[in-house]
Amino acid sequence: MQSELRLRIISGIVLAIIALGATWVGGTAFELLSVAIAVLVYYEWSTITRLAERDFQGNAFGWLAQAVIAALILFGGADVTLLVLAAFAVIAAAWVFFRGGSWWLPGGIVYAGLTGISLSAIRGDSDIGLIAMIFVFAVVWATDILAYFTGRAIGGPKLAPRISPGKTWSGAIGGTVCGVIAGVAVFMSHFSLDDARIPLLALALSVASQIGDLFESHIKRRFGVKDSSKLIPGHGGVMDRVDGLVFACFAALLIALVQVMSAGGQSAPMGAILLAP
């Protein structure tokens, strides 16, 4: 047990160093990290849902979609990449509808594709993008860690016993409170807190991260697997580590798009849209 815990801690430290280092450097380094996460997420998604067994040609199309999305993340813009992702999702949905197959195909294309797009868009190339990404990390990591310890300390009613029997309402609430505090602390280290917008943003991302955790637990329970893969020693798979982060980034991307549309379509770096005072 001690050796397993030691392996888990070492792996966690290495992952944190890689994530924070790429975030600090930004640019191509972070885009490559985003692409790597997205590709590995699709690999694990397609493995869990057995897409290759159900529809080999459809799964090949899914890999083509991820390759194109990866290239656009590295060399294109977020707007174009989102449109291309939507086109691939529509084609995959039509493929399944008319030819049969698994609806997990378009689901995987969207889930993995949005993972890479939202991560790279939040960080971007600006200084405020660095702050925005650290803000998201702080909310998600604080939510995840403190939900675990609060739930174990307090216990009580289960949050979603059919999906994840270990999660409690006390853990969810405790994690959310700590996630909001962590996000506000990151923001206030750079800006003054003049209204409730940032705490509400942190609240939304914290809730989204817990929904993402439950979503991945549902998929694994649906297909009878314990871990998404064995890629990370002591931790399981990439999806096991980024499930909450992925949904938090999805929520951040959606919030930024709504803000852009409400402002008449005036574009700006996503980090600035989210956090600019």
C-alpha atoms as a PDB file:
ATOM      1  CA  MET A   1       0.000   0.000   0.000  1.00  0.00           C
ATOM      2  CA  GLN A   2       2.818   2.395   0.891  1.00  0.00           C
ATOM      3  CA  SER A   3       4.647   1.657  -2.367  1.00  0.00           C
ATOM      4  CA  GLU A   4       1.433   2.304  -4.340  1.00  0.00           C
ATOM      5  CA  LEU A   5       0.887   5.593  -2.513  1.00  0.00           C
ATOM      6  CA  ARG A   6       4.519   6.573  -3.106  1.00  0.00           C
ATOM      7  CA  LEU A   7       4.154   5.823  -6.829  1.00  0.00           C
ATOM      8  CA  ARG A   8       0.944   7.847  -6.944  1.00  0.00           C
ATOM      9  CA  ILE A   9       2.606  10.840  -5.256  1.00  0.00           C
ATOM     10  CA  ILE A  10       5.662  10.729  -7.539  1.00  0.00           C
ATOM     11  CA  SER A  11       3.487  10.478 -10.654  1.00  0.00           C
ATOM     12  CA  GLY A  12       1.316  13.344  -9.423  1.00  0.00           C
ATOM     13  CA  ILE A  13       4.340  15.578  -8.842  1.00  0.00           C
ATOM     14  CA  VAL A  14       5.750  14.803 -12.292  1.00  0.00           C
ATOM     15  CA  LEU A  15       2.383  15.532 -13.942  1.00  0.00           C
ATOM     16  CA  ALA A  16       2.037  18.808 -12.037  1.00  0.00           C
ATOM     17  CA  ILE A  17       5.550  19.898 -13.059  1.00  0.00           C
ATOM     18  CA  ILE A  18       4.830  19.134 -16.723  1.00  0.00           C
ATOM     19  CA  ALA A  19       1.451  20.912 -16.653  1.00  0.00           C
ATOM     20  CA  LEU A  20       2.679  23.995 -14.793  1.00  0.00           C
ATOM     21  CA  GLY A  21       5.911  24.185 -16.791  1.00  0.00           C
ATOM     22  CA  ALA A  22       4.063  24.102 -20.119  1.00  0.00           C
ATOM     23  CA  THR A  23       1.553  26.618 -18.768  1.00  0.00           C
ATOM     24  CA  TRP A  24       4.341  28.991 -17.739  1.00  0.00           C
ATOM     25  CA  VAL A  25       6.101  28.736 -21.120  1.00  0.00           C
ATOM     26  CA  GLY A  26       2.846  28.940 -23.091  1.00  0.00           C
ATOM     27  CA  GLY A  27       2.841  29.108 -26.884  1.00  0.00           C
ATOM     28  CA  THR A  28       3.752  25.946 -28.734  1.00  0.00           C
ATOM     29  CA  ALA A  29       4.710  24.107 -25.542  1.00  0.00           C
ATOM     30  CA  PHE A  30       1.225  24.426 -24.089  1.00  0.00           C
ATOM     31  CA  GLU A  31      -0.449  23.773 -27.434  1.00  0.00           C
ATOM     32  CA  LEU A  32       1.527  20.524 -27.703  1.00  0.00           C
ATOM     33  CA  LEU A  33       0.417  19.583 -24.184  1.00  0.00           C
ATOM     34  CA  SER A  34      -3.207  20.336 -25.119  1.00  0.00           C
ATOM     35  CA  VAL A  35      -2.931  18.227 -28.260  1.00  0.00           C
ATOM     36  CA  ALA A  36      -1.292  15.346 -26.364  1.00  0.00           C
ATOM     37  CA  ILE A  37      -4.062  15.365 -23.746  1.00  0.00           C
ATOM     38  CA  ALA A  38      -6.777  15.471 -26.429  1.00  0.00           C
ATOM     39  CA  VAL A  39      -5.261  12.593 -28.421  1.00  0.00           C
ATOM     40  CA  LEU A  40      -4.812  10.433 -25.315  1.00  0.00           C
ATOM     41  CA  VAL A  41      -8.362  11.232 -24.213  1.00  0.00           C
ATOM     42  CA  TYR A  42      -9.705  10.017 -27.567  1.00  0.00           C
ATOM     43  CA  TYR A  43      -7.534   6.893 -27.341  1.00  0.00           C
ATOM     44  CA  GLU A  44      -8.959   6.079 -23.905  1.00  0.00           C
ATOM     45  CA  TRP A  45     -12.521   6.994 -24.907  1.00  0.00           C
ATOM     46  CA  SER A  46     -12.383   4.757 -27.988  1.00  0.00           C
ATOM     47  CA  THR A  47     -10.819   1.935 -25.956  1.00  0.00           C
ATOM     48  CA  ILE A  48     -13.372   2.099 -23.133  1.00  0.00           C
ATOM     49  CA  THR A  49     -16.338   2.259 -25.522  1.00  0.00           C
ATOM     50  CA  ARG A  50     -14.769  -0.357 -27.845  1.00  0.00           C
ATOM     51  CA  LEU A  51     -15.286   1.824 -30.914  1.00  0.00           C
ATOM     52  CA  ALA A  52     -12.792  -0.108 -33.050  1.00  0.00           C
ATOM     53  CA  GLU A  53     -14.702  -3.336 -32.401  1.00  0.00           C
ATOM     54  CA  ARG A  54     -18.107  -1.791 -33.037  1.00  0.00           C
ATOM     55  CA  ASP A  55     -17.227   0.344 -36.061  1.00  0.00           C
ATOM     56  CA  PHE A  56     -13.661   0.181 -37.344  1.00  0.00           C
ATOM     57  CA  GLN A  57     -14.238   2.662 -40.177  1.00  0.00           C
ATOM     58  CA  GLY A  58     -16.064   5.062 -37.880  1.00  0.00           C
ATOM     59  CA  ASN A  59     -13.237   4.903 -35.361  1.00  0.00           C
ATOM     60  CA  ALA A  60     -10.724   5.587 -38.149  1.00  0.00           C
ATOM     61  CA  PHE A  61     -12.775   8.671 -39.021  1.00  0.00           C
ATOM     62  CA  GLY A  62     -12.612   9.677 -35.366  1.00  0.00           C
ATOM     63  CA  TRP A  63      -8.814   9.490 -35.451  1.00  0.00           C
ATOM     64  CA  LEU A  64      -8.779  11.534 -38.656  1.00  0.00           C
ATOM     65  CA  ALA A  65     -10.876  14.169 -36.880  1.00  0.00           C
ATOM     66  CA  GLN A  66      -8.466  14.285 -33.957  1.00  0.00           C
ATOM     67  CA  ALA A  67      -5.474  14.620 -36.301  1.00  0.00           C
ATOM     68  CA  VAL A  68      -7.059  17.559 -38.123  1.00  0.00           C
ATOM     69  CA  ILE A  69      -8.130  19.232 -34.873  1.00  0.00           C
ATOM     70  CA  ALA A  70      -4.615  18.768 -33.468  1.00  0.00           C
ATOM     71  CA  ALA A  71      -3.086  20.430 -36.554  1.00  0.00           C
ATOM     72  CA  LEU A  72      -5.510  23.351 -36.303  1.00  0.00           C
ATOM     73  CA  ILE A  73      -4.769  23.829 -32.598  1.00  0.00           C
ATOM     74  CA  LEU A  74      -1.078  24.110 -33.467  1.00  0.00           C
ATOM     75  CA  PHE A  75      -1.384  26.203 -36.637  1.00  0.00           C
ATOM     76  CA  GLY A  76      -4.898  27.696 -36.747  1.00  0.00           C
ATOM     77  CA  GLY A  77      -7.273  29.760 -34.650  1.00  0.00           C
ATOM     78  CA  ALA A  78      -9.834  28.681 -32.081  1.00  0.00           C
ATOM     79  CA  ASP A  79     -12.793  29.972 -34.124  1.00  0.00           C
ATOM     80  CA  VAL A  80     -11.891  27.938 -37.200  1.00  0.00           C
ATOM     81  CA  THR A  81     -11.040  24.885 -35.101  1.00  0.00           C
ATOM     82  CA  LEU A  82     -14.430  24.961 -33.383  1.00  0.00           C
ATOM     83  CA  LEU A  83     -16.202  25.123 -36.760  1.00  0.00           C
ATOM     84  CA  VAL A  84     -14.170  22.198 -38.095  1.00  0.00           C
ATOM     85  CA  LEU A  85     -14.893  20.202 -34.935  1.00  0.00           C
ATOM     86  CA  ALA A  86     -18.615  20.893 -35.364  1.00  0.00           C
ATOM     87  CA  ALA A  87     -18.414  19.702 -38.980  1.00  0.00           C
ATOM     88  CA  PHE A  88     -16.678  16.467 -37.975  1.00  0.00           C
ATOM     89  CA  ALA A  89     -19.288  15.891 -35.246  1.00  0.00           C
ATOM     90  CA  VAL A  90     -22.168  16.387 -37.706  1.00  0.00           C
ATOM     91  CA  ILE A  91     -20.579  14.023 -40.232  1.00  0.00           C
ATOM     92  CA  ALA A  92     -19.979  11.407 -37.525  1.00  0.00           C
ATOM     93  CA  ALA A  93     -23.579  11.732 -36.301  1.00  0.00           C
ATOM     94  CA  ALA A  94     -24.860  11.330 -39.877  1.00  0.00           C
ATOM     95  CA  TRP A  95     -22.559   8.316 -40.303  1.00  0.00           C
ATOM     96  CA  VAL A  96     -24.048   6.624 -37.248  1.00  0.00           C
ATOM     97  CA  PHE A  97     -27.628   7.580 -38.140  1.00  0.00           C
ATOM     98  CA  PHE A  98     -27.553   6.315 -41.722  1.00  0.00           C
ATOM     99  CA  ARG A  99     -25.007   3.484 -41.519  1.00  0.00           C
ATOM    100  CA  GLY A 100     -25.420   2.319 -37.957  1.00  0.00           C
ATOM    101  CA  GLY A 101     -22.661   2.156 -35.401  1.00  0.00           C
ATOM    102  CA  SER A 102     -22.106   3.680 -32.008  1.00  0.00           C
ATOM    103  CA  TRP A 103     -23.184   7.140 -30.860  1.00  0.00           C
ATOM    104  CA  TRP A 104     -20.072   7.085 -28.716  1.00  0.00           C
ATOM    105  CA  LEU A 105     -18.210   8.020 -31.939  1.00  0.00           C
ATOM    106  CA  PRO A 106     -19.505  11.603 -32.298  1.00  0.00           C
ATOM    107  CA  GLY A 107     -19.449  11.884 -28.514  1.00  0.00           C
ATOM    108  CA  GLY A 108     -15.759  10.988 -28.424  1.00  0.00           C
ATOM    109  CA  ILE A 109     -14.893  13.345 -31.276  1.00  0.00           C
ATOM    110  CA  VAL A 110     -16.539  16.257 -29.474  1.00  0.00           C
ATOM    111  CA  TYR A 111     -15.235  15.353 -26.010  1.00  0.00           C
ATOM    112  CA  ALA A 112     -11.611  14.918 -27.068  1.00  0.00           C
ATOM    113  CA  GLY A 113     -11.639  17.736 -29.619  1.00  0.00           C
ATOM    114  CA  LEU A 114     -13.118  20.266 -27.204  1.00  0.00           C
ATOM    115  CA  THR A 115     -10.562  19.205 -24.613  1.00  0.00           C
ATOM    116  CA  GLY A 116      -7.662  20.344 -26.769  1.00  0.00           C
ATOM    117  CA  ILE A 117      -9.428  23.446 -28.091  1.00  0.00           C
ATOM    118  CA  SER A 118     -10.583  24.766 -24.725  1.00  0.00           C
ATOM    119  CA  LEU A 119      -7.242  24.176 -23.010  1.00  0.00           C
ATOM    120  CA  SER A 120      -5.227  25.932 -25.705  1.00  0.00           C
ATOM    121  CA  ALA A 121      -7.760  28.778 -25.996  1.00  0.00           C
ATOM    122  CA  ILE A 122      -7.721  29.532 -22.270  1.00  0.00           C
ATOM    123  CA  ARG A 123      -3.922  29.728 -22.097  1.00  0.00           C
ATOM    124  CA  GLY A 124      -3.436  31.461 -25.429  1.00  0.00           C
ATOM    125  CA  ASP A 125      -0.349  33.631 -25.875  1.00  0.00           C
ATOM    126  CA  SER A 126      -1.172  36.499 -23.505  1.00  0.00           C
ATOM    127  CA  ASP A 127      -0.006  37.139 -19.953  1.00  0.00           C
ATOM    128  CA  ILE A 128      -3.596  37.132 -18.740  1.00  0.00           C
ATOM    129  CA  GLY A 129      -3.975  33.722 -20.383  1.00  0.00           C
ATOM    130  CA  LEU A 130      -1.364  32.407 -17.959  1.00  0.00           C
ATOM    131  CA  ILE A 131      -3.355  33.819 -15.033  1.00  0.00           C
ATOM    132  CA  ALA A 132      -6.601  32.416 -16.448  1.00  0.00           C
ATOM    133  CA  MET A 133      -5.118  28.929 -16.789  1.00  0.00           C
ATOM    134  CA  ILE A 134      -3.699  29.012 -13.263  1.00  0.00           C
ATOM    135  CA  PHE A 135      -7.127  30.222 -12.101  1.00  0.00           C
ATOM    136  CA  VAL A 136      -8.796  27.171 -13.690  1.00  0.00           C
ATOM    137  CA  PHE A 137      -6.154  24.806 -12.293  1.00  0.00           C
ATOM    138  CA  ALA A 138      -6.604  26.272  -8.803  1.00  0.00           C
ATOM    139  CA  VAL A 139     -10.380  25.901  -8.875  1.00  0.00           C
ATOM    140  CA  VAL A 140     -10.312  22.341 -10.224  1.00  0.00           C
ATOM    141  CA  TRP A 141      -7.459  21.038  -8.060  1.00  0.00           C
ATOM    142  CA  ALA A 142      -8.785  22.626  -4.865  1.00  0.00           C
ATOM    143  CA  THR A 143     -12.258  21.263  -5.600  1.00  0.00           C
ATOM    144  CA  ASP A 144     -10.955  17.754  -6.249  1.00  0.00           C
ATOM    145  CA  ILE A 145      -8.572  17.542  -3.284  1.00  0.00           C
ATOM    146  CA  LEU A 146     -10.799  19.175  -0.682  1.00  0.00           C
ATOM    147  CA  ALA A 147     -13.901  17.289  -1.838  1.00  0.00           C
ATOM    148  CA  TYR A 148     -12.039  14.059  -1.075  1.00  0.00           C
ATOM    149  CA  PHE A 149     -10.857  15.100   2.374  1.00  0.00           C
ATOM    150  CA  THR A 150     -14.098  16.863   3.355  1.00  0.00           C
ATOM    151  CA  GLY A 151     -16.155  13.882   2.273  1.00  0.00           C
ATOM    152  CA  ARG A 152     -14.006  11.481   4.250  1.00  0.00           C
ATOM    153  CA  ALA A 153     -14.051  13.698   7.349  1.00  0.00           C
ATOM    154  CA  ILE A 154     -17.774  14.499   7.388  1.00  0.00           C
ATOM    155  CA  GLY A 155     -19.429  11.741   5.367  1.00  0.00           C
ATOM    156  CA  GLY A 156     -23.197  11.856   5.094  1.00  0.00           C
ATOM    157  CA  PRO A 157     -25.620  11.365   2.181  1.00  0.00           C
ATOM    158  CA  LYS A 158     -24.196  10.122  -1.111  1.00  0.00           C
ATOM    159  CA  LEU A 159     -24.058  12.524  -4.027  1.00  0.00           C
ATOM    160  CA  ALA A 160     -24.705  10.021  -6.832  1.00  0.00           C
ATOM    161  CA  PRO A 161     -24.574   6.478  -5.394  1.00  0.00           C
ATOM    162  CA  ARG A 162     -25.389   4.745  -8.687  1.00  0.00           C
ATOM    163  CA  ILE A 163     -22.554   6.496 -10.503  1.00  0.00           C
ATOM    164  CA  SER A 164     -19.851   7.040  -7.884  1.00  0.00           C
ATOM    165  CA  PRO A 165     -20.694   5.515  -4.481  1.00  0.00           C
ATOM    166  CA  GLY A 166     -17.778   7.190  -2.697  1.00  0.00           C
ATOM    167  CA  LYS A 167     -18.850  10.776  -3.344  1.00  0.00           C
ATOM    168  CA  THR A 168     -20.931  12.630  -0.739  1.00  0.00           C
ATOM    169  CA  TRP A 169     -22.840  15.891  -0.650  1.00  0.00           C
ATOM    170  CA  SER A 170     -20.556  17.115   2.120  1.00  0.00           C
ATOM    171  CA  GLY A 171     -17.528  16.487  -0.074  1.00  0.00           C
ATOM    172  CA  ALA A 172     -19.161  18.212  -3.056  1.00  0.00           C
ATOM    173  CA  ILE A 173     -20.067  21.293  -1.001  1.00  0.00           C
ATOM    174  CA  GLY A 174     -16.704  21.417   0.775  1.00  0.00           C
ATOM    175  CA  GLY A 175     -14.849  21.040  -2.509  1.00  0.00           C
ATOM    176  CA  THR A 176     -16.925  23.782  -4.123  1.00  0.00           C
ATOM    177  CA  VAL A 177     -16.295  26.226  -1.281  1.00  0.00           C
ATOM    178  CA  CYS A 178     -12.545  25.559  -1.401  1.00  0.00           C
ATOM    179  CA  GLY A 179     -12.501  25.779  -5.205  1.00  0.00           C
ATOM    180  CA  VAL A 180     -14.117  29.219  -5.076  1.00  0.00           C
ATOM    181  CA  ILE A 181     -11.662  30.375  -2.394  1.00  0.00           C
ATOM    182  CA  ALA A 182      -8.684  29.119  -4.417  1.00  0.00           C
ATOM    183  CA  GLY A 183      -9.903  30.791  -7.615  1.00  0.00           C
ATOM    184  CA  VAL A 184     -10.568  34.100  -5.866  1.00  0.00           C
ATOM    185  CA  ALA A 185      -7.126  33.943  -4.230  1.00  0.00           C
ATOM    186  CA  VAL A 186      -5.425  33.525  -7.626  1.00  0.00           C
ATOM    187  CA  PHE A 187      -7.442  36.390  -9.093  1.00  0.00           C
ATOM    188  CA  MET A 188      -6.774  38.723  -6.154  1.00  0.00           C
ATOM    189  CA  SER A 189      -3.045  38.089  -6.425  1.00  0.00           C
ATOM    190  CA  HIS A 190      -3.187  40.060  -9.692  1.00  0.00           C
ATOM    191  CA  PHE A 191      -6.356  42.171  -9.639  1.00  0.00           C
ATOM    192  CA  SER A 192      -8.706  43.811  -7.164  1.00  0.00           C
ATOM    193  CA  LEU A 193     -12.012  42.040  -6.548  1.00  0.00           C
ATOM    194  CA  ASP A 194     -14.683  44.639  -7.247  1.00  0.00           C
ATOM    195  CA  ASP A 195     -17.795  42.505  -7.771  1.00  0.00           C
ATOM    196  CA  ALA A 196     -19.191  38.983  -7.512  1.00  0.00           C
ATOM    197  CA  ARG A 197     -18.329  38.003 -11.085  1.00  0.00           C
ATOM    198  CA  ILE A 198     -15.114  36.129 -10.272  1.00  0.00           C
ATOM    199  CA  PRO A 199     -16.536  34.150  -7.300  1.00  0.00           C
ATOM    200  CA  LEU A 200     -19.502  33.195  -9.501  1.00  0.00           C
ATOM    201  CA  LEU A 201     -17.125  32.147 -12.296  1.00  0.00           C
ATOM    202  CA  ALA A 202     -15.131  30.033  -9.836  1.00  0.00           C
ATOM    203  CA  LEU A 203     -18.393  28.529  -8.555  1.00  0.00           C
ATOM    204  CA  ALA A 204     -19.481  27.598 -12.082  1.00  0.00           C
ATOM    205  CA  LEU A 205     -16.117  26.002 -12.898  1.00  0.00           C
ATOM    206  CA  SER A 206     -16.059  24.099  -9.599  1.00  0.00           C
ATOM    207  CA  VAL A 207     -19.518  22.650 -10.203  1.00  0.00           C
ATOM    208  CA  ALA A 208     -18.599  21.835 -13.817  1.00  0.00           C
ATOM    209  CA  SER A 209     -15.457  20.006 -12.688  1.00  0.00           C
ATOM    210  CA  GLN A 210     -17.498  17.781 -10.367  1.00  0.00           C
ATOM    211  CA  ILE A 211     -20.009  17.082 -13.133  1.00  0.00           C
ATOM    212  CA  GLY A 212     -17.075  16.079 -15.341  1.00  0.00           C
ATOM    213  CA  ASP A 213     -15.859  13.690 -12.658  1.00  0.00           C
ATOM    214  CA  LEU A 214     -19.309  12.095 -12.422  1.00  0.00           C
ATOM    215  CA  PHE A 215     -19.582  11.928 -16.223  1.00  0.00           C
ATOM    216  CA  GLU A 216     -16.374   9.934 -16.538  1.00  0.00           C
ATOM    217  CA  SER A 217     -17.441   7.683 -13.650  1.00  0.00           C
ATOM    218  CA  HIS A 218     -20.699   7.031 -15.504  1.00  0.00           C
ATOM    219  CA  ILE A 219     -18.844   6.009 -18.670  1.00  0.00           C
ATOM    220  CA  LYS A 220     -16.535   3.649 -16.792  1.00  0.00           C
ATOM    221  CA  ARG A 221     -19.435   2.118 -14.866  1.00  0.00           C
ATOM    222  CA  ARG A 222     -21.419   1.777 -18.104  1.00  0.00           C
ATOM    223  CA  PHE A 223     -18.619  -0.283 -19.675  1.00  0.00           C
ATOM    224  CA  GLY A 224     -17.431  -2.025 -16.516  1.00  0.00           C
ATOM    225  CA  VAL A 225     -13.903  -0.639 -16.288  1.00  0.00           C
ATOM    226  CA  LYS A 226     -12.072   0.638 -13.210  1.00  0.00           C
ATOM    227  CA  ASP A 227      -9.561   2.973 -14.868  1.00  0.00           C
ATOM    228  CA  SER A 228      -9.646   4.666 -18.258  1.00  0.00           C
ATOM    229  CA  SER A 229      -6.240   3.092 -19.000  1.00  0.00           C
ATOM    230  CA  LYS A 230      -2.919   2.234 -17.349  1.00  0.00           C
ATOM    231  CA  LEU A 231      -0.919   5.055 -18.906  1.00  0.00           C
ATOM    232  CA  ILE A 232      -0.117   6.882 -15.650  1.00  0.00           C
ATOM    233  CA  PRO A 233       1.531   4.800 -12.908  1.00  0.00           C
ATOM    234  CA  GLY A 234      -0.568   4.855  -9.751  1.00  0.00           C
ATOM    235  CA  HIS A 235      -3.284   7.011 -11.310  1.00  0.00           C
ATOM    236  CA  GLY A 236      -4.863   5.015 -14.125  1.00  0.00           C
ATOM    237  CA  GLY A 237      -5.451   6.938 -17.302  1.00  0.00           C
ATOM    238  CA  VAL A 238      -5.413  10.474 -18.613  1.00  0.00           C
ATOM    239  CA  MET A 239      -9.197  10.753 -18.465  1.00  0.00           C
ATOM    240  CA  ASP A 240      -9.049   9.751 -14.793  1.00  0.00           C
ATOM    241  CA  ARG A 241      -6.789  12.754 -14.116  1.00  0.00           C
ATOM    242  CA  VAL A 242      -8.371  15.412 -16.350  1.00  0.00           C
ATOM    243  CA  ASP A 243     -12.090  14.597 -16.178  1.00  0.00           C
ATOM    244  CA  GLY A 244     -12.864  17.550 -13.912  1.00  0.00           C
ATOM    245  CA  LEU A 245     -10.428  19.867 -15.701  1.00  0.00           C
ATOM    246  CA  VAL A 246     -12.005  19.027 -19.055  1.00  0.00           C
ATOM    247  CA  PHE A 247     -15.530  19.998 -18.013  1.00  0.00           C
ATOM    248  CA  ALA A 248     -14.270  23.125 -16.234  1.00  0.00           C
ATOM    249  CA  CYS A 249     -12.539  24.172 -19.465  1.00  0.00           C
ATOM    250  CA  PHE A 250     -15.704  23.392 -21.441  1.00  0.00           C
ATOM    251  CA  ALA A 251     -17.648  25.652 -19.070  1.00  0.00           C
ATOM    252  CA  ALA A 252     -15.025  28.404 -19.348  1.00  0.00           C
ATOM    253  CA  LEU A 253     -15.129  28.221 -23.152  1.00  0.00           C
ATOM    254  CA  LEU A 254     -18.936  28.399 -23.161  1.00  0.00           C
ATOM    255  CA  ILE A 255     -18.949  31.351 -20.754  1.00  0.00           C
ATOM    256  CA  ALA A 256     -16.378  33.168 -22.904  1.00  0.00           C
ATOM    257  CA  LEU A 257     -18.401  32.555 -26.083  1.00  0.00           C
ATOM    258  CA  VAL A 258     -21.567  33.881 -24.418  1.00  0.00           C
ATOM    259  CA  GLN A 259     -19.686  36.982 -23.277  1.00  0.00           C
ATOM    260  CA  VAL A 260     -18.336  37.542 -26.797  1.00  0.00           C
ATOM    261  CA  MET A 261     -21.810  37.237 -28.328  1.00  0.00           C
ATOM    262  CA  SER A 262     -23.320  39.534 -25.717  1.00  0.00           C
ATOM    263  CA  ALA A 263     -20.615  42.094 -26.556  1.00  0.00           C
ATOM    264  CA  GLY A 264     -21.555  42.054 -30.225  1.00  0.00           C
ATOM    265  CA  GLY A 265     -18.937  39.580 -31.370  1.00  0.00           C
ATOM    266  CA  GLN A 266     -15.900  41.634 -30.374  1.00  0.00           C
ATOM    267  CA  SER A 267     -13.066  39.139 -30.103  1.00  0.00           C
ATOM    268  CA  ALA A 268     -10.273  39.086 -27.497  1.00  0.00           C
ATOM    269  CA  PRO A 269      -7.993  36.464 -25.905  1.00  0.00           C
ATOM    270  CA  MET A 270     -10.101  34.025 -23.959  1.00  0.00           C
ATOM    271  CA  GLY A 271      -8.189  34.641 -20.750  1.00  0.00           C
ATOM    272  CA  ALA A 272      -8.971  38.356 -21.011  1.00  0.00           C
ATOM    273  CA  ILE A 273     -12.650  37.631 -21.667  1.00  0.00           C
ATOM    274  CA  LEU A 274     -12.848  35.477 -18.553  1.00  0.00           C
ATOM    275  CA  LEU A 275     -10.808  37.498 -16.077  1.00  0.00           C
ATOM    276  CA  ALA A 276     -10.270  41.045 -17.337  1.00  0.00           C
ATOM    277  CA  PRO A 277     -11.372  43.460 -14.602  1.00  0.00           C
END
